[in-house]
Structure formats: structure tokens, C-alpha cells
């Protein structure tokens, strides 16, 4: 995948983000999908025109245009549901549309204090010890903690104590798109890259005024053509379960599932747990540092 000159840089402005999202989603809906005749018509762009989407959603073209430009105030749930239905949005995309439509730009972005694990997440993390690899992540994908086996599985080229510095914690998105060692670890990098970008877009809708998140997205778009191209596609997805096919530098091929655990009190923080999919991977993970005696 290469970066195209036509790829627009990500924006931190919620008003522009809702336009980008709606434009990308209506571009996916072909006239045939909604029963429009296409014979003899000239169409300069893919998907539905603004007036077509507005008509099927039961709103005026002017009102839809104002929604797309974030000039209509807070659109009602009924209108958003109608737009989502016409554009065939899934549940995660609907949630993202609601987040964007309800965002308002403050005079400046907000820079939060460094994240800390909620005590319940920390307790769960500690209870797992080294039995299975586990990594705790913050809202932007910063590593808040890892156990020895989680570190060795995915981040062995980094110092084990790296997450301890709140201002220089390893960032999984940065590593994934900007670090050759991390990229070389994943045999299904392209599949996982789409998930990373789609989840970052979902998070950006939840936290539209997070200065650190906006800076991260801008940095990745400037430094990685792959990220910029995927971001321009406008996809949104949650990140709860998935498969990792790894070429580990010391253990060889590994087939691992990841599962995300969260606590209602700290929805920003995710505990990613990694489990084997086959006997060979299970045997390899049993030999990870920390699964037996603590490392010296």
C-alpha cells in the first residue's frame, strides 16, 4: 500500500470529521442498493448524492447539507437513525455518527494528565501474573503495563521497564506503523492495520478534543503512507477480539488470539489477553520468560 497525493491529512476539527465520515459512508451505497435507476444517468462520484441520501432519509437537502457541515445543531436521534439506515451503517458506525454529531469544537484542544490504571484493572492484571501474556492499554494505545510474557511475546525488542515512564510509554499504534521490528512480527499485518486505524477513528469520535490523540493521528498520517491511505477510507470498528499470526524472532511461527477485557468504571483502558490457537503455539507460550520462575 502506498500513499497517494490525493489522500487528505486527518483533521482534529469535529466539523470536518463528520463531513469526512458521512461522505465516505454514502460513497459506499450504490444507487442499485436503494433501488435507484442508473441507466442513462451520468454520475461523477460513486455512491449516493446528497439529495438522494436526504430523500431516502426523509429530510431536506438543505438540512442534510447542514448536518454534513455540522451547522444544523444537534441532529435528533430519529434523523441520525434514518441516515444510518440508508447508509447501511453497522452498530459501531452508528455509535461513531452519534458521537460526531454531538461533538462541538471548544476554543482549544484538551491535554489530559497521564493515564493511570483503574485499581480494578490493576488488580485483574496482577491476578493473571505470568500464566498468560497480557498487556494493559490506554485510550490512545499507550502501554500502561505488561507482564513478562506479554512483553516477550510482542515487545521483546523494547526495555521491560518502558511503560513505567508516563511521558514516554510505548505506543502500540506508533510501533505498528512506524517501527520495522514490530511490523515484521505480524504475518497478517495488513488485516490488523485496518483494525488499528478503524479503532483509532472510533476513539477519535469518542474523544474529539483529545490533543494527544489528534497529535498521534497526525504523526502517523505524516510518517506512514499505509496509515494515511487506510485513514482516508473512513472505516470505523471496535477492537475486541482477533487473530495474530506471528513470526516471532525466537519462537518461530505463532498463532494467537487476542481478547480485550474492560471494566465499566474505566472504559478507556483495555486489558489485552493472548491465548494460543494450536498445540505448537501453546507449547511455545509455555516457555516464555515469566511463565515459570521469575526472570533473573
C-alpha atoms as a PDB file:
ATOM      1  CA  UNK A   1       0.000   0.000   0.000  1.00  0.00           C
ATOM      2  CA  UNK A   2       1.417   3.430  -0.875  1.00  0.00           C
ATOM      3  CA  UNK A   3       0.450   6.960  -0.007  1.00  0.00           C
ATOM      4  CA  UNK A   4      -1.414   8.848  -2.717  1.00  0.00           C
ATOM      5  CA  UNK A   5      -1.177  12.590  -3.302  1.00  0.00           C
ATOM      6  CA  UNK A   6      -4.980  12.576  -3.185  1.00  0.00           C
ATOM      7  CA  UNK A   7      -5.045  11.402   0.442  1.00  0.00           C
ATOM      8  CA  UNK A   8      -6.139  14.267   2.662  1.00  0.00           C
ATOM      9  CA  UNK A   9      -4.447  14.608   6.058  1.00  0.00           C
ATOM     10  CA  UNK A  10      -6.562  13.759   9.113  1.00  0.00           C
ATOM     11  CA  UNK A  11      -8.178  16.696  10.838  1.00  0.00           C
ATOM     12  CA  UNK A  12      -8.788  17.349  14.522  1.00  0.00           C
ATOM     13  CA  UNK A  13     -11.870  19.504  13.806  1.00  0.00           C
ATOM     14  CA  UNK A  14     -15.095  17.574  14.587  1.00  0.00           C
ATOM     15  CA  UNK A  15     -16.928  19.660  11.972  1.00  0.00           C
ATOM     16  CA  UNK A  16     -14.634  18.358   9.261  1.00  0.00           C
ATOM     17  CA  UNK A  17     -14.672  14.831  10.668  1.00  0.00           C
ATOM     18  CA  UNK A  18     -18.418  14.424  10.383  1.00  0.00           C
ATOM     19  CA  UNK A  19     -18.263  15.548   6.758  1.00  0.00           C
ATOM     20  CA  UNK A  20     -15.437  13.101   6.035  1.00  0.00           C
ATOM     21  CA  UNK A  21     -17.330  10.256   7.666  1.00  0.00           C
ATOM     22  CA  UNK A  22     -20.707  10.916   6.031  1.00  0.00           C
ATOM     23  CA  UNK A  23     -19.095  11.431   2.631  1.00  0.00           C
ATOM     24  CA  UNK A  24     -17.166   8.166   2.879  1.00  0.00           C
ATOM     25  CA  UNK A  25     -20.203   6.204   4.067  1.00  0.00           C
ATOM     26  CA  UNK A  26     -22.645   7.461   1.432  1.00  0.00           C
ATOM     27  CA  UNK A  27     -19.973   6.736  -1.202  1.00  0.00           C
ATOM     28  CA  UNK A  28     -20.326   3.029  -0.324  1.00  0.00           C
ATOM     29  CA  UNK A  29     -24.067   2.928  -1.089  1.00  0.00           C
ATOM     30  CA  UNK A  30     -24.666   2.295  -4.755  1.00  0.00           C
ATOM     31  CA  UNK A  31     -27.858   3.508  -6.455  1.00  0.00           C
ATOM     32  CA  UNK A  32     -28.824  -0.120  -7.035  1.00  0.00           C
ATOM     33  CA  UNK A  33     -28.750  -0.786  -3.284  1.00  0.00           C
ATOM     34  CA  UNK A  34     -31.603   1.678  -2.733  1.00  0.00           C
ATOM     35  CA  UNK A  35     -33.493   0.900  -5.926  1.00  0.00           C
ATOM     36  CA  UNK A  36     -32.496   3.938  -7.999  1.00  0.00           C
ATOM     37  CA  UNK A  37     -32.358   3.577 -11.790  1.00  0.00           C
ATOM     38  CA  UNK A  38     -28.875   4.070 -13.212  1.00  0.00           C
ATOM     39  CA  UNK A  39     -29.419   3.544 -16.937  1.00  0.00           C
ATOM     40  CA  UNK A  40     -28.895   6.746 -18.874  1.00  0.00           C
ATOM     41  CA  UNK A  41     -27.719   8.746 -15.869  1.00  0.00           C
ATOM     42  CA  UNK A  42     -24.346  10.439 -15.554  1.00  0.00           C
ATOM     43  CA  UNK A  43     -22.711  10.076 -12.152  1.00  0.00           C
ATOM     44  CA  UNK A  44     -19.442  11.861 -11.405  1.00  0.00           C
ATOM     45  CA  UNK A  45     -18.930  10.321  -7.959  1.00  0.00           C
ATOM     46  CA  UNK A  46     -19.529   6.831  -6.517  1.00  0.00           C
ATOM     47  CA  UNK A  47     -22.405   6.168  -4.179  1.00  0.00           C
ATOM     48  CA  UNK A  48     -25.359   8.369  -3.355  1.00  0.00           C
ATOM     49  CA  UNK A  49     -25.574  12.076  -3.993  1.00  0.00           C
ATOM     50  CA  UNK A  50     -26.529  14.353  -1.119  1.00  0.00           C
ATOM     51  CA  UNK A  51     -30.012  14.901  -2.481  1.00  0.00           C
ATOM     52  CA  UNK A  52     -30.580  11.155  -2.885  1.00  0.00           C
ATOM     53  CA  UNK A  53     -29.485  10.347   0.659  1.00  0.00           C
ATOM     54  CA  UNK A  54     -31.631  13.192   2.014  1.00  0.00           C
ATOM     55  CA  UNK A  55     -34.685  11.988   0.091  1.00  0.00           C
ATOM     56  CA  UNK A  56     -34.419   8.400   1.340  1.00  0.00           C
ATOM     57  CA  UNK A  57     -33.788   9.591   4.896  1.00  0.00           C
ATOM     58  CA  UNK A  58     -36.849  11.873   4.777  1.00  0.00           C
ATOM     59  CA  UNK A  59     -35.063  15.201   5.284  1.00  0.00           C
ATOM     60  CA  UNK A  60     -34.483  18.198   3.039  1.00  0.00           C
ATOM     61  CA  UNK A  61     -31.264  18.518   1.052  1.00  0.00           C
ATOM     62  CA  UNK A  62     -30.504  21.773   2.846  1.00  0.00           C
ATOM     63  CA  UNK A  63     -30.907  20.186   6.270  1.00  0.00           C
ATOM     64  CA  UNK A  64     -28.747  17.191   5.365  1.00  0.00           C
ATOM     65  CA  UNK A  65     -26.077  19.534   3.990  1.00  0.00           C
ATOM     66  CA  UNK A  66     -26.063  21.451   7.261  1.00  0.00           C
ATOM     67  CA  UNK A  67     -25.689  18.166   9.185  1.00  0.00           C
ATOM     68  CA  UNK A  68     -22.764  17.188   6.955  1.00  0.00           C
ATOM     69  CA  UNK A  69     -21.175  20.582   7.574  1.00  0.00           C
ATOM     70  CA  UNK A  70     -22.028  20.456  11.298  1.00  0.00           C
ATOM     71  CA  UNK A  71     -24.158  23.582  11.057  1.00  0.00           C
ATOM     72  CA  UNK A  72     -27.539  22.153  11.998  1.00  0.00           C
ATOM     73  CA  UNK A  73     -27.076  21.968  15.751  1.00  0.00           C
ATOM     74  CA  UNK A  74     -27.554  18.580  17.361  1.00  0.00           C
ATOM     75  CA  UNK A  75     -29.499  16.397  14.950  1.00  0.00           C
ATOM     76  CA  UNK A  76     -32.238  14.280  16.507  1.00  0.00           C
ATOM     77  CA  UNK A  77     -31.788  10.564  17.082  1.00  0.00           C
ATOM     78  CA  UNK A  78     -34.630   9.950  14.624  1.00  0.00           C
ATOM     79  CA  UNK A  79     -32.780  11.779  11.833  1.00  0.00           C
ATOM     80  CA  UNK A  80     -29.476  10.105  12.639  1.00  0.00           C
ATOM     81  CA  UNK A  81     -31.174   6.690  12.657  1.00  0.00           C
ATOM     82  CA  UNK A  82     -32.713   7.419   9.267  1.00  0.00           C
ATOM     83  CA  UNK A  83     -29.366   8.437   7.777  1.00  0.00           C
ATOM     84  CA  UNK A  84     -27.670   5.418   9.319  1.00  0.00           C
ATOM     85  CA  UNK A  85     -30.292   3.077   7.873  1.00  0.00           C
ATOM     86  CA  UNK A  86     -29.963   4.450   4.354  1.00  0.00           C
ATOM     87  CA  UNK A  87     -26.158   4.234   4.523  1.00  0.00           C
ATOM     88  CA  UNK A  88     -26.303   0.677   5.929  1.00  0.00           C
ATOM     89  CA  UNK A  89     -24.209   1.582   8.987  1.00  0.00           C
ATOM     90  CA  UNK A  90     -23.449  -1.168  11.471  1.00  0.00           C
ATOM     91  CA  UNK A  91     -23.777  -0.667  15.229  1.00  0.00           C
ATOM     92  CA  UNK A  92     -20.241   0.658  15.685  1.00  0.00           C
ATOM     93  CA  UNK A  93     -20.584   3.078  12.760  1.00  0.00           C
ATOM     94  CA  UNK A  94     -23.914   4.309  14.150  1.00  0.00           C
ATOM     95  CA  UNK A  95     -22.276   4.993  17.510  1.00  0.00           C
ATOM     96  CA  UNK A  96     -19.497   6.888  15.756  1.00  0.00           C
ATOM     97  CA  UNK A  97     -22.033   9.007  13.841  1.00  0.00           C
ATOM     98  CA  UNK A  98     -23.831   9.865  17.104  1.00  0.00           C
ATOM     99  CA  UNK A  99     -20.504  10.800  18.722  1.00  0.00           C
ATOM    100  CA  UNK A 100     -19.536  13.075  15.854  1.00  0.00           C
ATOM    101  CA  UNK A 101     -22.939  14.741  15.606  1.00  0.00           C
ATOM    102  CA  UNK A 102     -22.908  15.613  19.298  1.00  0.00           C
ATOM    103  CA  UNK A 103     -19.356  16.987  19.379  1.00  0.00           C
ATOM    104  CA  UNK A 104     -18.727  20.687  19.495  1.00  0.00           C
ATOM    105  CA  UNK A 105     -15.346  22.331  18.986  1.00  0.00           C
ATOM    106  CA  UNK A 106     -14.099  24.172  22.079  1.00  0.00           C
ATOM    107  CA  UNK A 107     -11.742  27.117  21.773  1.00  0.00           C
ATOM    108  CA  UNK A 108      -8.816  24.731  22.138  1.00  0.00           C
ATOM    109  CA  UNK A 109      -7.971  21.063  22.382  1.00  0.00           C
ATOM    110  CA  UNK A 110      -7.619  19.497  25.837  1.00  0.00           C
ATOM    111  CA  UNK A 111      -4.435  17.836  27.083  1.00  0.00           C
ATOM    112  CA  UNK A 112      -5.253  15.342  29.832  1.00  0.00           C
ATOM    113  CA  UNK A 113      -2.957  14.181  32.613  1.00  0.00           C
ATOM    114  CA  UNK A 114      -1.098  10.877  32.029  1.00  0.00           C
ATOM    115  CA  UNK A 115      -3.397   7.886  32.297  1.00  0.00           C
ATOM    116  CA  UNK A 116      -3.355   5.573  35.308  1.00  0.00           C
ATOM    117  CA  UNK A 117      -4.828   2.108  35.537  1.00  0.00           C
ATOM    118  CA  UNK A 118      -8.074   1.849  37.480  1.00  0.00           C
ATOM    119  CA  UNK A 119      -7.418  -0.196  40.614  1.00  0.00           C
ATOM    120  CA  UNK A 120      -9.803  -2.956  39.441  1.00  0.00           C
ATOM    121  CA  UNK A 121      -7.951  -3.286  36.142  1.00  0.00           C
ATOM    122  CA  UNK A 122      -4.666  -3.268  38.015  1.00  0.00           C
ATOM    123  CA  UNK A 123      -5.941  -5.996  40.350  1.00  0.00           C
ATOM    124  CA  UNK A 124      -7.077  -8.129  37.424  1.00  0.00           C
ATOM    125  CA  UNK A 125      -3.716  -7.582  35.762  1.00  0.00           C
ATOM    126  CA  UNK A 126      -1.874  -8.662  38.897  1.00  0.00           C
ATOM    127  CA  UNK A 127      -4.087 -11.704  39.390  1.00  0.00           C
ATOM    128  CA  UNK A 128      -3.187 -13.020  35.942  1.00  0.00           C
ATOM    129  CA  UNK A 129       0.533 -12.876  36.860  1.00  0.00           C
ATOM    130  CA  UNK A 130       2.521 -14.734  34.198  1.00  0.00           C
ATOM    131  CA  UNK A 131       0.108 -17.560  33.444  1.00  0.00           C
ATOM    132  CA  UNK A 132      -0.778 -15.968  30.096  1.00  0.00           C
ATOM    133  CA  UNK A 133       0.622 -12.959  28.179  1.00  0.00           C
ATOM    134  CA  UNK A 134      -1.282  -9.748  28.944  1.00  0.00           C
ATOM    135  CA  UNK A 135      -0.854  -6.043  28.150  1.00  0.00           C
ATOM    136  CA  UNK A 136      -2.808  -3.082  29.580  1.00  0.00           C
ATOM    137  CA  UNK A 137      -3.510  -0.269  27.115  1.00  0.00           C
ATOM    138  CA  UNK A 138      -4.793   3.282  27.482  1.00  0.00           C
ATOM    139  CA  UNK A 139      -7.287   5.075  25.255  1.00  0.00           C
ATOM    140  CA  UNK A 140      -4.652   6.059  22.652  1.00  0.00           C
ATOM    141  CA  UNK A 141      -2.996   2.642  22.641  1.00  0.00           C
ATOM    142  CA  UNK A 142      -0.206   3.596  25.053  1.00  0.00           C
ATOM    143  CA  UNK A 143       1.114   0.612  27.022  1.00  0.00           C
ATOM    144  CA  UNK A 144       0.259   1.198  30.678  1.00  0.00           C
ATOM    145  CA  UNK A 145       1.661  -2.145  31.846  1.00  0.00           C
ATOM    146  CA  UNK A 146       2.683  -5.583  30.610  1.00  0.00           C
ATOM    147  CA  UNK A 147       3.723  -8.785  32.274  1.00  0.00           C
ATOM    148  CA  UNK A 148       6.964 -10.535  31.310  1.00  0.00           C
ATOM    149  CA  UNK A 149       5.292 -12.990  28.955  1.00  0.00           C
ATOM    150  CA  UNK A 150       3.259 -10.249  27.249  1.00  0.00           C
ATOM    151  CA  UNK A 151       6.412  -8.175  26.832  1.00  0.00           C
ATOM    152  CA  UNK A 152       8.374 -11.061  25.363  1.00  0.00           C
ATOM    153  CA  UNK A 153       5.551 -12.094  23.018  1.00  0.00           C
ATOM    154  CA  UNK A 154       5.068  -8.712  21.304  1.00  0.00           C
ATOM    155  CA  UNK A 155       7.576  -6.153  22.573  1.00  0.00           C
ATOM    156  CA  UNK A 156      10.773  -8.053  23.332  1.00  0.00           C
ATOM    157  CA  UNK A 157      12.946  -5.508  21.492  1.00  0.00           C
ATOM    158  CA  UNK A 158      11.910  -2.793  23.985  1.00  0.00           C
ATOM    159  CA  UNK A 159      13.091  -2.407  27.608  1.00  0.00           C
ATOM    160  CA  UNK A 160      10.776  -4.176  30.037  1.00  0.00           C
ATOM    161  CA  UNK A 161      10.562  -1.052  32.235  1.00  0.00           C
ATOM    162  CA  UNK A 162       9.450   1.195  29.335  1.00  0.00           C
ATOM    163  CA  UNK A 163       5.781   1.594  30.451  1.00  0.00           C
ATOM    164  CA  UNK A 164       6.893   2.992  33.815  1.00  0.00           C
ATOM    165  CA  UNK A 165       7.632   6.446  32.326  1.00  0.00           C
ATOM    166  CA  UNK A 166       4.193   8.005  31.859  1.00  0.00           C
ATOM    167  CA  UNK A 167       5.531  10.548  29.354  1.00  0.00           C
ATOM    168  CA  UNK A 168       7.476   8.078  27.182  1.00  0.00           C
ATOM    169  CA  UNK A 169       5.337   4.965  27.228  1.00  0.00           C
ATOM    170  CA  UNK A 170       5.436   2.703  24.177  1.00  0.00           C
ATOM    171  CA  UNK A 171       2.581   3.490  21.800  1.00  0.00           C
ATOM    172  CA  UNK A 172       1.159   0.446  20.029  1.00  0.00           C
ATOM    173  CA  UNK A 173      -0.119   2.488  17.023  1.00  0.00           C
ATOM    174  CA  UNK A 174       3.282   4.177  16.641  1.00  0.00           C
ATOM    175  CA  UNK A 175       5.085   0.854  16.876  1.00  0.00           C
ATOM    176  CA  UNK A 176       2.651  -0.793  14.493  1.00  0.00           C
ATOM    177  CA  UNK A 177       3.049   1.780  11.720  1.00  0.00           C
ATOM    178  CA  UNK A 178       6.483   3.307  12.323  1.00  0.00           C
ATOM    179  CA  UNK A 179       8.644   0.528  13.802  1.00  0.00           C
ATOM    180  CA  UNK A 180      10.063  -2.047  11.330  1.00  0.00           C
ATOM    181  CA  UNK A 181      10.672  -4.647  14.058  1.00  0.00           C
ATOM    182  CA  UNK A 182       7.021  -4.553  15.117  1.00  0.00           C
ATOM    183  CA  UNK A 183       5.774  -4.653  11.539  1.00  0.00           C
ATOM    184  CA  UNK A 184       7.952  -7.654  10.762  1.00  0.00           C
ATOM    185  CA  UNK A 185       6.494  -9.557  13.699  1.00  0.00           C
ATOM    186  CA  UNK A 186       2.998  -9.846  12.183  1.00  0.00           C
ATOM    187  CA  UNK A 187       2.320 -12.085   9.184  1.00  0.00           C
ATOM    188  CA  UNK A 188      -1.228 -10.669   8.967  1.00  0.00           C
ATOM    189  CA  UNK A 189      -0.073  -7.063   9.392  1.00  0.00           C
ATOM    190  CA  UNK A 190      -2.422  -5.665   6.721  1.00  0.00           C
ATOM    191  CA  UNK A 191      -5.512  -7.141   8.381  1.00  0.00           C
ATOM    192  CA  UNK A 192      -4.509  -5.883  11.814  1.00  0.00           C
ATOM    193  CA  UNK A 193      -3.513  -2.469  10.428  1.00  0.00           C
ATOM    194  CA  UNK A 194      -7.083  -1.911   9.256  1.00  0.00           C
ATOM    195  CA  UNK A 195      -8.361  -2.742  12.724  1.00  0.00           C
ATOM    196  CA  UNK A 196      -5.898  -0.351  14.358  1.00  0.00           C
ATOM    197  CA  UNK A 197      -6.896   2.540  12.109  1.00  0.00           C
ATOM    198  CA  UNK A 198     -10.623   1.850  12.363  1.00  0.00           C
ATOM    199  CA  UNK A 199     -10.403   1.691  16.160  1.00  0.00           C
ATOM    200  CA  UNK A 200      -8.437   4.951  16.318  1.00  0.00           C
ATOM    201  CA  UNK A 201     -11.178   6.600  14.262  1.00  0.00           C
ATOM    202  CA  UNK A 202     -13.813   5.273  16.670  1.00  0.00           C
ATOM    203  CA  UNK A 203     -11.791   6.610  19.604  1.00  0.00           C
ATOM    204  CA  UNK A 204     -11.371   9.998  17.919  1.00  0.00           C
ATOM    205  CA  UNK A 205     -15.163  10.275  17.769  1.00  0.00           C
ATOM    206  CA  UNK A 206     -15.477   9.445  21.448  1.00  0.00           C
ATOM    207  CA  UNK A 207     -12.798  11.985  22.409  1.00  0.00           C
ATOM    208  CA  UNK A 208     -12.861  14.703  19.725  1.00  0.00           C
ATOM    209  CA  UNK A 209     -10.983  17.242  21.856  1.00  0.00           C
ATOM    210  CA  UNK A 210      -8.106  14.995  22.988  1.00  0.00           C
ATOM    211  CA  UNK A 211      -4.977  16.887  21.895  1.00  0.00           C
ATOM    212  CA  UNK A 212      -2.704  13.875  22.384  1.00  0.00           C
ATOM    213  CA  UNK A 213      -4.923  11.690  20.227  1.00  0.00           C
ATOM    214  CA  UNK A 214      -5.113  14.307  17.471  1.00  0.00           C
ATOM    215  CA  UNK A 215      -1.322  14.658  17.504  1.00  0.00           C
ATOM    216  CA  UNK A 216      -0.895  10.885  17.318  1.00  0.00           C
ATOM    217  CA  UNK A 217      -3.182  10.595  14.288  1.00  0.00           C
ATOM    218  CA  UNK A 218      -1.397  13.468  12.558  1.00  0.00           C
ATOM    219  CA  UNK A 219       2.019  11.969  13.283  1.00  0.00           C
ATOM    220  CA  UNK A 220       1.005   8.581  11.899  1.00  0.00           C
ATOM    221  CA  UNK A 221      -0.518  10.105   8.767  1.00  0.00           C
ATOM    222  CA  UNK A 222       2.650  12.107   8.127  1.00  0.00           C
ATOM    223  CA  UNK A 223       5.005   9.220   8.852  1.00  0.00           C
ATOM    224  CA  UNK A 224       3.173   6.269   7.294  1.00  0.00           C
ATOM    225  CA  UNK A 225       1.599   6.169   3.859  1.00  0.00           C
ATOM    226  CA  UNK A 226      -0.169   2.969   4.878  1.00  0.00           C
ATOM    227  CA  UNK A 227      -1.847   4.719   7.793  1.00  0.00           C
ATOM    228  CA  UNK A 228      -2.810   7.751   5.698  1.00  0.00           C
ATOM    229  CA  UNK A 229      -4.375   5.606   2.994  1.00  0.00           C
ATOM    230  CA  UNK A 230      -6.334   3.492   5.482  1.00  0.00           C
ATOM    231  CA  UNK A 231      -7.480   6.584   7.395  1.00  0.00           C
ATOM    232  CA  UNK A 232      -8.788   8.104   4.162  1.00  0.00           C
ATOM    233  CA  UNK A 233     -11.077   5.081   3.689  1.00  0.00           C
ATOM    234  CA  UNK A 234     -13.112   6.220   6.708  1.00  0.00           C
ATOM    235  CA  UNK A 235     -13.732   2.805   8.267  1.00  0.00           C
ATOM    236  CA  UNK A 236     -14.798   2.529  11.910  1.00  0.00           C
ATOM    237  CA  UNK A 237     -14.582  -0.607  14.055  1.00  0.00           C
ATOM    238  CA  UNK A 238     -14.301  -1.702  17.634  1.00  0.00           C
ATOM    239  CA  UNK A 239     -11.343  -3.817  18.708  1.00  0.00           C
ATOM    240  CA  UNK A 240     -12.455  -6.633  20.990  1.00  0.00           C
ATOM    241  CA  UNK A 241     -11.213  -9.949  19.572  1.00  0.00           C
ATOM    242  CA  UNK A 242      -8.993 -11.044  16.731  1.00  0.00           C
ATOM    243  CA  UNK A 243      -6.217 -13.268  15.499  1.00  0.00           C
ATOM    244  CA  UNK A 244      -2.482 -12.596  15.322  1.00  0.00           C
ATOM    245  CA  UNK A 245      -0.221 -14.644  13.071  1.00  0.00           C
ATOM    246  CA  UNK A 246       3.295 -14.006  14.301  1.00  0.00           C
ATOM    247  CA  UNK A 247       6.811 -14.734  13.073  1.00  0.00           C
ATOM    248  CA  UNK A 248       8.499 -14.482  16.448  1.00  0.00           C
ATOM    249  CA  UNK A 249      12.278 -13.883  16.366  1.00  0.00           C
ATOM    250  CA  UNK A 250      12.997 -16.634  18.925  1.00  0.00           C
ATOM    251  CA  UNK A 251       9.916 -18.874  18.962  1.00  0.00           C
ATOM    252  CA  UNK A 252       9.117 -19.026  15.262  1.00  0.00           C
ATOM    253  CA  UNK A 253       5.557 -19.114  13.865  1.00  0.00           C
ATOM    254  CA  UNK A 254       2.802 -18.470  16.411  1.00  0.00           C
ATOM    255  CA  UNK A 255      -0.990 -18.457  16.022  1.00  0.00           C
ATOM    256  CA  UNK A 256      -2.512 -16.334  18.785  1.00  0.00           C
ATOM    257  CA  UNK A 257      -5.938 -14.886  19.579  1.00  0.00           C
ATOM    258  CA  UNK A 258      -6.293 -11.584  21.416  1.00  0.00           C
ATOM    259  CA  UNK A 259      -9.256 -10.815  23.657  1.00  0.00           C
ATOM    260  CA  UNK A 260      -9.974  -7.409  25.167  1.00  0.00           C
ATOM    261  CA  UNK A 261     -11.245  -7.181  28.749  1.00  0.00           C
ATOM    262  CA  UNK A 262     -12.552  -3.927  30.162  1.00  0.00           C
ATOM    263  CA  UNK A 263     -14.158  -2.555  33.302  1.00  0.00           C
ATOM    264  CA  UNK A 264     -17.245  -0.290  33.198  1.00  0.00           C
ATOM    265  CA  UNK A 265     -15.523   2.169  35.559  1.00  0.00           C
ATOM    266  CA  UNK A 266     -12.595   2.626  33.169  1.00  0.00           C
ATOM    267  CA  UNK A 267     -13.849   2.105  29.600  1.00  0.00           C
ATOM    268  CA  UNK A 268     -10.763   3.922  28.265  1.00  0.00           C
ATOM    269  CA  UNK A 269      -8.471   1.136  29.433  1.00  0.00           C
ATOM    270  CA  UNK A 270      -8.193  -2.272  27.831  1.00  0.00           C
ATOM    271  CA  UNK A 271      -6.613  -5.449  29.075  1.00  0.00           C
ATOM    272  CA  UNK A 272      -5.470  -7.490  26.079  1.00  0.00           C
ATOM    273  CA  UNK A 273      -5.021 -11.181  26.794  1.00  0.00           C
ATOM    274  CA  UNK A 274      -3.307 -13.500  24.305  1.00  0.00           C
ATOM    275  CA  UNK A 275      -4.159 -17.185  24.012  1.00  0.00           C
ATOM    276  CA  UNK A 276      -2.808 -19.942  21.696  1.00  0.00           C
ATOM    277  CA  UNK A 277      -4.778 -21.364  18.783  1.00  0.00           C
ATOM    278  CA  UNK A 278      -2.816 -24.581  18.289  1.00  0.00           C
ATOM    279  CA  UNK A 279      -0.665 -27.052  20.189  1.00  0.00           C
ATOM    280  CA  UNK A 280       2.630 -25.729  18.827  1.00  0.00           C
ATOM    281  CA  UNK A 281       1.806 -22.194  19.934  1.00  0.00           C
ATOM    282  CA  UNK A 282       0.620 -23.437  23.326  1.00  0.00           C
ATOM    283  CA  UNK A 283       3.943 -25.200  23.862  1.00  0.00           C
ATOM    284  CA  UNK A 284       5.890 -22.130  22.758  1.00  0.00           C
ATOM    285  CA  UNK A 285       3.974 -19.779  25.053  1.00  0.00           C
ATOM    286  CA  UNK A 286       4.636 -22.095  27.985  1.00  0.00           C
ATOM    287  CA  UNK A 287       8.349 -21.350  27.515  1.00  0.00           C
ATOM    288  CA  UNK A 288       8.002 -17.567  27.611  1.00  0.00           C
ATOM    289  CA  UNK A 289      10.038 -15.787  30.294  1.00  0.00           C
ATOM    290  CA  UNK A 290       7.993 -15.424  33.434  1.00  0.00           C
ATOM    291  CA  UNK A 291       5.604 -18.315  32.845  1.00  0.00           C
ATOM    292  CA  UNK A 292       7.732 -20.374  35.168  1.00  0.00           C
ATOM    293  CA  UNK A 293      10.228 -18.895  37.580  1.00  0.00           C
ATOM    294  CA  UNK A 294      10.532 -15.095  37.640  1.00  0.00           C
ATOM    295  CA  UNK A 295      13.266 -13.851  35.303  1.00  0.00           C
ATOM    296  CA  UNK A 296      16.586 -13.041  36.932  1.00  0.00           C
END
